Amino acid sequence: MPKLPVVSGSEVVKALTKIGFFIDHQTGSHVIMRRDGEKVLTITVPQHRELKKGTLRAIIRQSGLTAEEFENLL
């Protein structure tokens, strides 16, 4: 498994918008993103300076991407 990049919450939000997610709303320091389609996907992204590896891995998995595909979006 490739090493995950060190990214911030806002960088993740920018990457997810490139694949069709949009900001639904924000609650405190967490941005809730949504992608409509055949199956509605909702992902919560914390707006931290640096996301922990487990959090980033969970966001990537929930979005349906691989680590390589996610890195190409950055």
Protein backbone atom coordinates (compact mmCIF):
# COMPACT_ATOMS: atom_id res chain seq x y z
CA MET A 1 0.00 0.00 0.00
CA PRO A 2 1.44 3.40 -0.96
CA LYS A 3 2.31 5.97 1.63
CA LEU A 4 -0.43 8.55 2.10
CA PRO A 5 0.41 12.22 1.58
CA VAL A 6 0.18 14.73 4.43
CA VAL A 7 -2.78 16.95 3.56
CA SER A 8 -5.04 19.46 5.24
CA GLY A 9 -8.81 19.35 5.37
CA SER A 10 -9.17 22.14 2.82
CA GLU A 11 -6.92 20.26 0.37
CA VAL A 12 -9.17 17.21 0.71
CA VAL A 13 -12.25 19.36 0.07
CA LYS A 14 -10.66 20.76 -3.12
CA ALA A 15 -9.73 17.25 -4.31
CA LEU A 16 -13.23 15.87 -3.67
CA THR A 17 -14.88 18.74 -5.55
CA LYS A 18 -12.93 17.64 -8.64
CA ILE A 19 -14.80 14.31 -8.66
CA GLY A 20 -18.30 15.69 -8.18
CA PHE A 21 -18.67 16.26 -4.44
CA PHE A 22 -20.03 19.59 -3.22
CA ILE A 23 -20.17 21.24 0.18
CA ASP A 24 -23.57 20.52 1.67
CA HIS A 25 -23.01 22.37 4.95
CA GLN A 26 -20.51 22.95 7.73
CA THR A 27 -20.95 22.15 11.41
CA GLY A 28 -18.21 23.66 13.53
CA SER A 29 -14.88 22.61 12.06
CA HIS A 30 -16.32 19.76 9.97
CA VAL A 31 -17.37 20.16 6.34
CA ILE A 32 -20.08 17.78 5.17
CA MET A 33 -19.71 17.00 1.46
CA ARG A 34 -22.24 15.24 -0.72
CA ARG A 35 -22.36 13.70 -4.19
CA ASP A 36 -25.74 13.04 -5.74
CA GLY A 37 -26.31 10.30 -8.25
CA GLU A 38 -27.54 6.75 -8.30
CA LYS A 39 -26.27 6.39 -4.74
CA VAL A 40 -25.97 9.53 -2.59
CA LEU A 41 -22.59 9.69 -0.83
CA THR A 42 -21.94 11.86 2.22
CA ILE A 43 -18.44 12.41 3.61
CA THR A 44 -17.41 14.44 6.64
CA VAL A 45 -14.05 16.22 6.35
CA PRO A 46 -12.51 17.85 9.44
CA GLN A 47 -10.96 21.22 8.69
CA HIS A 48 -7.64 20.54 10.42
CA ARG A 49 -4.20 21.66 9.27
CA GLU A 50 -3.08 18.06 9.00
CA LEU A 51 -5.38 15.04 8.83
CA LYS A 52 -4.37 11.85 10.61
CA LYS A 53 -3.59 8.89 8.36
CA GLY A 54 -6.56 6.84 9.56
CA THR A 55 -8.96 9.72 8.98
CA LEU A 56 -7.57 10.35 5.50
CA ARG A 57 -7.69 6.64 4.64
CA ALA A 58 -11.36 6.48 5.75
CA ILE A 59 -12.25 9.53 3.62
CA ILE A 60 -10.52 8.01 0.58
CA ARG A 61 -12.31 4.68 1.10
CA GLN A 62 -15.72 6.35 1.54
CA SER A 63 -15.25 8.36 -1.66
CA GLY A 64 -14.61 5.18 -3.64
CA LEU A 65 -11.10 6.15 -4.69
CA THR A 66 -7.79 4.39 -4.35
CA ALA A 67 -4.83 6.12 -2.68
CA GLU A 68 -3.18 6.61 -6.11
CA GLU A 69 -6.31 8.15 -7.61
CA PHE A 70 -6.60 10.49 -4.64
CA GLU A 71 -2.97 11.59 -4.97
CA ASN A 72 -3.54 12.41 -8.64
CA LEU A 73 -6.34 14.80 -7.63
CA LEU A 74 -4.02 16.85 -5.38
